[in-house]
Amino acid sequence: VPVDGREPYDVRDVIRGVVDGGRFLEVQERWARN
């Protein structure tokens, strides 16, 4: 996560770095991607 609040990053990488086994089942992945 960049310190500069204007720089993008993929929050899914953060999620996988916290949850069991890095496994995350995303729902509606392609819609409302924000």
All heavy atoms as atom14 arrays in JSON, in Angstrom:
{
  "sequence": "VPVDGREPYDVRDVIRGVVDGGRFLEVQERWARN",
  "atom14_mask": [
    [1, 1, 1, 1, 1, 1, 1, 0, 0, 0, 0, 0, 0, 0],
    [1, 1, 1, 1, 1, 1, 1, 0, 0, 0, 0, 0, 0, 0],
    [1, 1, 1, 1, 1, 1, 1, 0, 0, 0, 0, 0, 0, 0],
    [1, 1, 1, 1, 1, 1, 1, 1, 0, 0, 0, 0, 0, 0],
    [1, 1, 1, 1, 0, 0, 0, 0, 0, 0, 0, 0, 0, 0],
    [1, 1, 1, 1, 1, 1, 1, 1, 1, 1, 1, 0, 0, 0],
    [1, 1, 1, 1, 1, 1, 1, 1, 1, 0, 0, 0, 0, 0],
    [1, 1, 1, 1, 1, 1, 1, 0, 0, 0, 0, 0, 0, 0],
    [1, 1, 1, 1, 1, 1, 1, 1, 1, 1, 1, 1, 0, 0],
    [1, 1, 1, 1, 1, 1, 1, 1, 0, 0, 0, 0, 0, 0],
    [1, 1, 1, 1, 1, 1, 1, 0, 0, 0, 0, 0, 0, 0],
    [1, 1, 1, 1, 1, 1, 1, 1, 1, 1, 1, 0, 0, 0],
    [1, 1, 1, 1, 1, 1, 1, 1, 0, 0, 0, 0, 0, 0],
    [1, 1, 1, 1, 1, 1, 1, 0, 0, 0, 0, 0, 0, 0],
    [1, 1, 1, 1, 1, 1, 1, 1, 0, 0, 0, 0, 0, 0],
    [1, 1, 1, 1, 1, 1, 1, 1, 1, 1, 1, 0, 0, 0],
    [1, 1, 1, 1, 0, 0, 0, 0, 0, 0, 0, 0, 0, 0],
    [1, 1, 1, 1, 1, 1, 1, 0, 0, 0, 0, 0, 0, 0],
    [1, 1, 1, 1, 1, 1, 1, 0, 0, 0, 0, 0, 0, 0],
    [1, 1, 1, 1, 1, 1, 1, 1, 0, 0, 0, 0, 0, 0],
    [1, 1, 1, 1, 0, 0, 0, 0, 0, 0, 0, 0, 0, 0],
    [1, 1, 1, 1, 0, 0, 0, 0, 0, 0, 0, 0, 0, 0],
    [1, 1, 1, 1, 1, 1, 1, 1, 1, 1, 1, 0, 0, 0],
    [1, 1, 1, 1, 1, 1, 1, 1, 1, 1, 1, 0, 0, 0],
    [1, 1, 1, 1, 1, 1, 1, 1, 0, 0, 0, 0, 0, 0],
    [1, 1, 1, 1, 1, 1, 1, 1, 1, 0, 0, 0, 0, 0],
    [1, 1, 1, 1, 1, 1, 1, 0, 0, 0, 0, 0, 0, 0],
    [1, 1, 1, 1, 1, 1, 1, 1, 1, 0, 0, 0, 0, 0],
    [1, 1, 1, 1, 1, 1, 1, 1, 1, 0, 0, 0, 0, 0],
    [1, 1, 1, 1, 1, 1, 1, 1, 1, 1, 1, 0, 0, 0],
    [1, 1, 1, 1, 1, 1, 1, 1, 1, 1, 1, 1, 1, 1],
    [1, 1, 1, 1, 1, 0, 0, 0, 0, 0, 0, 0, 0, 0],
    [1, 1, 1, 1, 1, 1, 1, 1, 1, 1, 1, 0, 0, 0],
    [1, 1, 1, 1, 1, 1, 1, 1, 0, 0, 0, 0, 0, 0]
  ],
  "atom14_positions": [
    [[0.84, -1.2, 0.0], [0.0, 0.0, 0.0], [0.88, 1.25, 0.0], [1.52, 1.56, 1.0], [-0.92, 0.01, 1.23], [-1.81, 1.25, 1.22], [-1.78, -1.25, 1.27], [0.0, 0.0, 0.0], [0.0, 0.0, 0.0], [0.0, 0.0, 0.0], [0.0, 0.0, 0.0], [0.0, 0.0, 0.0], [0.0, 0.0, 0.0], [0.0, 0.0, 0.0]],
    [[0.91, 1.99, -1.1], [1.73, 3.22, -1.14], [1.23, 4.24, -0.11], [0.03, 4.35, 0.14], [1.52, 3.74, -2.57], [1.01, 2.56, -3.34], [0.24, 1.73, -2.37], [0.0, 0.0, 0.0], [0.0, 0.0, 0.0], [0.0, 0.0, 0.0], [0.0, 0.0, 0.0], [0.0, 0.0, 0.0], [0.0, 0.0, 0.0], [0.0, 0.0, 0.0]],
    [[2.16, 4.98, 0.46], [1.78, 6.0, 1.44], [1.01, 7.13, 0.77], [0.05, 7.67, 1.32], [3.04, 6.55, 2.15], [2.66, 7.72, 3.06], [3.73, 5.45, 2.95], [0.0, 0.0, 0.0], [0.0, 0.0, 0.0], [0.0, 0.0, 0.0], [0.0, 0.0, 0.0], [0.0, 0.0, 0.0], [0.0, 0.0, 0.0], [0.0, 0.0, 0.0]],
    [[1.4, 7.48, -0.44], [0.72, 8.53, -1.2], [-0.69, 8.07, -1.53], [-0.89, 7.09, -2.27], [1.48, 8.84, -2.49], [0.9, 10.03, -3.24], [-0.26, 10.42, -2.97], [1.6, 10.57, -4.12], [0.0, 0.0, 0.0], [0.0, 0.0, 0.0], [0.0, 0.0, 0.0], [0.0, 0.0, 0.0], [0.0, 0.0, 0.0], [0.0, 0.0, 0.0]],
    [[-1.69, 8.76, -0.99], [-3.08, 8.35, -1.17], [-3.58, 8.41, -2.59], [-4.66, 7.91, -2.88], [0.0, 0.0, 0.0], [0.0, 0.0, 0.0], [0.0, 0.0, 0.0], [0.0, 0.0, 0.0], [0.0, 0.0, 0.0], [0.0, 0.0, 0.0], [0.0, 0.0, 0.0], [0.0, 0.0, 0.0], [0.0, 0.0, 0.0], [0.0, 0.0, 0.0]],
    [[-2.82, 9.01, -3.49], [-3.25, 9.09, -4.88], [-2.72, 7.94, -5.72], [-3.1, 7.8, -6.89], [-2.79, 10.42, -5.48], [-3.46, 11.64, -4.86], [-2.77, 12.93, -5.22], [-1.4, 12.97, -4.67], [-0.6, 14.02, -4.72], [-1.03, 15.13, -5.32], [0.6, 13.97, -4.2], [0.0, 0.0, 0.0], [0.0, 0.0, 0.0], [0.0, 0.0, 0.0]],
    [[-1.83, 7.14, -5.17], [-1.26, 6.03, -5.93], [-2.14, 4.79, -5.82], [-2.57, 4.43, -4.72], [0.15, 5.71, -5.43], [1.18, 6.76, -5.78], [2.59, 6.3, -5.46], [2.84, 5.07, -5.53], [3.43, 7.15, -5.12], [0.0, 0.0, 0.0], [0.0, 0.0, 0.0], [0.0, 0.0, 0.0], [0.0, 0.0, 0.0], [0.0, 0.0, 0.0]],
    [[-2.4, 4.11, -6.93], [-3.27, 2.92, -6.89], [-2.52, 1.68, -6.41], [-1.3, 1.62, -6.43], [-3.69, 2.78, -8.35], [-2.54, 3.32, -9.14], [-1.99, 4.46, -8.31], [0.0, 0.0, 0.0], [0.0, 0.0, 0.0], [0.0, 0.0, 0.0], [0.0, 0.0, 0.0], [0.0, 0.0, 0.0], [0.0, 0.0, 0.0], [0.0, 0.0, 0.0]],
    [[-3.29, 0.71, -5.97], [-2.78, -0.62, -5.64], [-3.97, -1.55, -5.66], [-5.14, -1.1, -5.7], [-2.1, -0.64, -4.26], [-3.05, -0.34, -3.12], [-3.69, -1.37, -2.42], [-3.35, 0.97, -2.77], [-4.58, -1.08, -1.39], [-4.23, 1.26, -1.76], [-4.85, 0.24, -1.07], [-5.75, 0.52, -0.07], [0.0, 0.0, 0.0], [0.0, 0.0, 0.0]],
    [[-3.72, -2.85, -5.64], [-4.81, -3.83, -5.69], [-5.12, -4.29, -4.27], [-4.32, -4.99, -3.65], [-4.42, -5.01, -6.57], [-5.6, -5.9, -6.94], [-6.59, -5.91, -6.18], [-5.53, -6.58, -7.99], [0.0, 0.0, 0.0], [0.0, 0.0, 0.0], [0.0, 0.0, 0.0], [0.0, 0.0, 0.0], [0.0, 0.0, 0.0], [0.0, 0.0, 0.0]],
    [[-6.28, -3.91, -3.76], [-6.62, -4.25, -2.38], [-6.78, -5.76, -2.19], [-6.67, -6.27, -1.07], [-7.91, -3.51, -1.95], [-9.16, -4.15, -2.59], [-8.05, -3.47, -0.44], [0.0, 0.0, 0.0], [0.0, 0.0, 0.0], [0.0, 0.0, 0.0], [0.0, 0.0, 0.0], [0.0, 0.0, 0.0], [0.0, 0.0, 0.0], [0.0, 0.0, 0.0]],
    [[-6.98, -6.49, -3.27], [-7.09, -7.95, -3.14], [-5.78, -8.56, -2.69], [-5.78, -9.61, -2.02], [-7.55, -8.55, -4.47], [-8.98, -8.16, -4.84], [-9.37, -8.58, -6.24], [-8.55, -7.91, -7.24], [-8.78, -7.98, -8.54], [-9.8, -8.69, -9.0], [-8.01, -7.36, -9.41], [0.0, 0.0, 0.0], [0.0, 0.0, 0.0], [0.0, 0.0, 0.0]],
    [[-4.66, -7.92, -3.01], [-3.37, -8.4, -2.51], [-3.3, -8.25, -0.99], [-2.73, -9.1, -0.3], [-2.22, -7.64, -3.17], [-2.12, -7.91, -4.66], [-2.54, -9.0, -5.1], [-1.61, -7.03, -5.39], [0.0, 0.0, 0.0], [0.0, 0.0, 0.0], [0.0, 0.0, 0.0], [0.0, 0.0, 0.0], [0.0, 0.0, 0.0], [0.0, 0.0, 0.0]],
    [[-3.86, -7.16, -0.48], [-3.89, -6.95, 0.97], [-4.78, -8.01, 1.63], [-4.42, -8.6, 2.65], [-4.4, -5.54, 1.3], [-4.51, -5.35, 2.81], [-3.5, -4.48, 0.68], [0.0, 0.0, 0.0], [0.0, 0.0, 0.0], [0.0, 0.0, 0.0], [0.0, 0.0, 0.0], [0.0, 0.0, 0.0], [0.0, 0.0, 0.0], [0.0, 0.0, 0.0]],
    [[-5.95, -8.25, 1.02], [-6.87, -9.25, 1.58], [-6.2, -10.61, 1.64], [-6.23, -11.3, 2.68], [-8.15, -9.31, 0.73], [-8.92, -8.0, 0.8], [-9.04, -10.48, 1.18], [-10.02, -7.86, -0.24], [0.0, 0.0, 0.0], [0.0, 0.0, 0.0], [0.0, 0.0, 0.0], [0.0, 0.0, 0.0], [0.0, 0.0, 0.0], [0.0, 0.0, 0.0]],
    [[-5.55, -11.01, 0.55], [-4.9, -12.32, 0.51], [-3.74, -12.41, 1.5], [-3.38, -13.5, 1.93], [-4.42, -12.62, -0.91], [-5.56, -12.76, -1.92], [-5.05, -13.19, -3.29], [-6.12, -13.21, -4.27], [-6.31, -12.28, -5.21], [-5.45, -11.27, -5.31], [-7.32, -12.36, -6.05], [0.0, 0.0, 0.0], [0.0, 0.0, 0.0], [0.0, 0.0, 0.0]],
    [[-3.17, -11.27, 1.86], [-2.08, -11.27, 2.82], [-2.53, -11.37, 4.26], [-1.7, -11.44, 5.17], [0.0, 0.0, 0.0], [0.0, 0.0, 0.0], [0.0, 0.0, 0.0], [0.0, 0.0, 0.0], [0.0, 0.0, 0.0], [0.0, 0.0, 0.0], [0.0, 0.0, 0.0], [0.0, 0.0, 0.0], [0.0, 0.0, 0.0], [0.0, 0.0, 0.0]],
    [[-3.84, -11.37, 4.48], [-4.38, -11.41, 5.84], [-5.2, -12.67, 6.1], [-5.21, -13.19, 7.22], [-5.25, -10.15, 6.09], [-5.99, -10.24, 7.41], [-4.39, -8.89, 6.04], [0.0, 0.0, 0.0], [0.0, 0.0, 0.0], [0.0, 0.0, 0.0], [0.0, 0.0, 0.0], [0.0, 0.0, 0.0], [0.0, 0.0, 0.0], [0.0, 0.0, 0.0]],
    [[-5.9, -13.2, 5.08], [-6.85, -14.3, 5.29], [-6.16, -15.66, 5.2], [-5.04, -15.78, 4.68], [-8.01, -14.21, 4.28], [-8.73, -12.88, 4.41], [-7.51, -14.41, 2.84], [0.0, 0.0, 0.0], [0.0, 0.0, 0.0], [0.0, 0.0, 0.0], [0.0, 0.0, 0.0], [0.0, 0.0, 0.0], [0.0, 0.0, 0.0], [0.0, 0.0, 0.0]],
    [[-6.84, -16.66, 5.69], [-6.3, -18.02, 5.74], [-5.88, -18.49, 4.34], [-6.69, -18.47, 3.4], [-7.35, -18.99, 6.28], [-7.58, -18.83, 7.77], [-7.17, -17.8, 8.32], [-8.17, -19.74, 8.38], [0.0, 0.0, 0.0], [0.0, 0.0, 0.0], [0.0, 0.0, 0.0], [0.0, 0.0, 0.0], [0.0, 0.0, 0.0], [0.0, 0.0, 0.0]],
    [[-4.63, -18.93, 4.25], [-4.14, -19.52, 3.01], [-4.12, -18.57, 1.83], [-3.84, -18.99, 0.7], [0.0, 0.0, 0.0], [0.0, 0.0, 0.0], [0.0, 0.0, 0.0], [0.0, 0.0, 0.0], [0.0, 0.0, 0.0], [0.0, 0.0, 0.0], [0.0, 0.0, 0.0], [0.0, 0.0, 0.0], [0.0, 0.0, 0.0], [0.0, 0.0, 0.0]],
    [[-4.42, -17.3, 2.04], [-4.46, -16.35, 0.93], [-5.62, -16.57, -0.01], [-5.62, -16.04, -1.13], [0.0, 0.0, 0.0], [0.0, 0.0, 0.0], [0.0, 0.0, 0.0], [0.0, 0.0, 0.0], [0.0, 0.0, 0.0], [0.0, 0.0, 0.0], [0.0, 0.0, 0.0], [0.0, 0.0, 0.0], [0.0, 0.0, 0.0], [0.0, 0.0, 0.0]],
    [[-6.62, -17.35, 0.42], [-7.74, -17.69, -0.48], [-8.9, -16.72, -0.29], [-9.38, -16.51, 0.82], [-8.21, -19.12, -0.25], [-7.23, -20.16, -0.79], [-7.8, -21.57, -0.67], [-7.83, -21.97, 0.73], [-6.79, -22.5, 1.37], [-5.64, -22.68, 0.75], [-6.89, -22.84, 2.64], [0.0, 0.0, 0.0], [0.0, 0.0, 0.0], [0.0, 0.0, 0.0]],
    [[-9.34, -16.15, -1.4], [-10.42, -15.16, -1.38], [-11.33, -15.43, -2.57], [-10.89, -15.41, -3.72], [-9.83, -13.75, -1.46], [-10.86, -12.66, -1.56], [-11.86, -12.51, -0.61], [-10.82, -11.76, -2.62], [-12.8, -11.5, -0.71], [-11.75, -10.73, -2.72], [-12.74, -10.61, -1.75], [0.0, 0.0, 0.0], [0.0, 0.0, 0.0], [0.0, 0.0, 0.0]],
    [[-12.61, -15.69, -2.31], [-13.6, -15.92, -3.37], [-14.35, -14.62, -3.61], [-15.25, -14.26, -2.85], [-14.56, -17.04, -2.96], [-15.66, -17.37, -3.99], [-15.06, -17.82, -5.32], [-16.62, -18.42, -3.44], [0.0, 0.0, 0.0], [0.0, 0.0, 0.0], [0.0, 0.0, 0.0], [0.0, 0.0, 0.0], [0.0, 0.0, 0.0], [0.0, 0.0, 0.0]],
    [[-13.99, -13.92, -4.66], [-14.59, -12.62, -4.95], [-15.94, -12.8, -5.62], [-16.11, -13.62, -6.52], [-13.66, -11.79, -5.83], [-14.14, -10.37, -6.02], [-13.14, -9.48, -6.75], [-12.01, -9.95, -7.01], [-13.48, -8.32, -7.03], [0.0, 0.0, 0.0], [0.0, 0.0, 0.0], [0.0, 0.0, 0.0], [0.0, 0.0, 0.0], [0.0, 0.0, 0.0]],
    [[-16.92, -12.01, -5.2], [-18.27, -12.02, -5.75], [-18.45, -10.79, -6.64], [-18.01, -9.69, -6.28], [-19.32, -12.02, -4.62], [-20.74, -12.01, -5.2], [-19.12, -13.23, -3.71], [0.0, 0.0, 0.0], [0.0, 0.0, 0.0], [0.0, 0.0, 0.0], [0.0, 0.0, 0.0], [0.0, 0.0, 0.0], [0.0, 0.0, 0.0], [0.0, 0.0, 0.0]],
    [[-19.07, -10.96, -7.8], [-19.3, -9.87, -8.75], [-17.99, -9.14, -9.08], [-17.89, -7.91, -9.06], [-20.34, -8.89, -8.19], [-21.73, -9.52, -8.1], [-22.75, -8.6, -7.47], [-22.51, -8.02, -6.41], [-23.9, -8.45, -8.1], [0.0, 0.0, 0.0], [0.0, 0.0, 0.0], [0.0, 0.0, 0.0], [0.0, 0.0, 0.0], [0.0, 0.0, 0.0]],
    [[-17.01, -9.93, -9.41], [-15.65, -9.41, -9.66], [-15.61, -8.38, -10.76], [-14.83, -7.42, -10.71], [-14.73, -10.59, -10.01], [-13.32, -10.2, -10.37], [-12.47, -11.39, -10.79], [-12.97, -12.53, -10.72], [-11.31, -11.17, -11.18], [0.0, 0.0, 0.0], [0.0, 0.0, 0.0], [0.0, 0.0, 0.0], [0.0, 0.0, 0.0], [0.0, 0.0, 0.0]],
    [[-16.45, -8.53, -11.79], [-16.35, -7.66, -12.96], [-17.29, -6.47, -12.92], [-17.29, -5.66, -13.84], [-16.62, -8.48, -14.23], [-15.74, -9.71, -14.37], [-16.02, -10.45, -15.68], [-15.35, -11.74, -15.73], [-15.37, -12.54, -16.79], [-16.03, -12.18, -17.87], [-14.74, -13.71, -16.77], [0.0, 0.0, 0.0], [0.0, 0.0, 0.0], [0.0, 0.0, 0.0]],
    [[-18.11, -6.37, -11.9], [-19.1, -5.3, -11.82], [-18.78, -4.4, -10.63], [-18.39, -4.89, -9.56], [-20.49, -5.9, -11.66], [-21.6, -4.88, -11.6], [-21.95, -4.01, -12.59], [-22.49, -4.65, -10.51], [-23.01, -3.23, -12.17], [-23.37, -3.61, -10.9], [-22.64, -5.22, -9.24], [-24.37, -3.12, -10.08], [-23.64, -4.74, -8.41], [-24.5, -3.71, -8.83]],
    [[-18.94, -3.08, -10.81], [-18.67, -2.12, -9.74], [-17.31, -2.42, -9.11], [-17.19, -2.66, -7.92], [-19.77, -2.17, -8.69], [0.0, 0.0, 0.0], [0.0, 0.0, 0.0], [0.0, 0.0, 0.0], [0.0, 0.0, 0.0], [0.0, 0.0, 0.0], [0.0, 0.0, 0.0], [0.0, 0.0, 0.0], [0.0, 0.0, 0.0], [0.0, 0.0, 0.0]],
    [[-16.28, -2.37, -9.93], [-14.96, -2.82, -9.5], [-14.3, -1.93, -8.45], [-13.28, -2.32, -7.86], [-14.04, -2.94, -10.73], [-14.53, -3.96, -11.75], [-13.54, -4.13, -12.87], [-14.08, -4.98, -13.92], [-13.37, -5.45, -14.94], [-12.09, -5.13, -15.06], [-13.92, -6.21, -15.86], [0.0, 0.0, 0.0], [0.0, 0.0, 0.0], [0.0, 0.0, 0.0]],
    [[-14.86, -0.75, -8.23], [-14.3, 0.12, -7.2], [-14.62, -0.35, -5.78], [-14.11, 0.19, -4.81], [-14.78, 1.56, -7.39], [-16.24, 1.68, -7.78], [-16.76, 0.86, -8.53], [-16.9, 2.7, -7.29], [0.0, 0.0, 0.0], [0.0, 0.0, 0.0], [0.0, 0.0, 0.0], [0.0, 0.0, 0.0], [0.0, 0.0, 0.0], [0.0, 0.0, 0.0]]
  ]
}
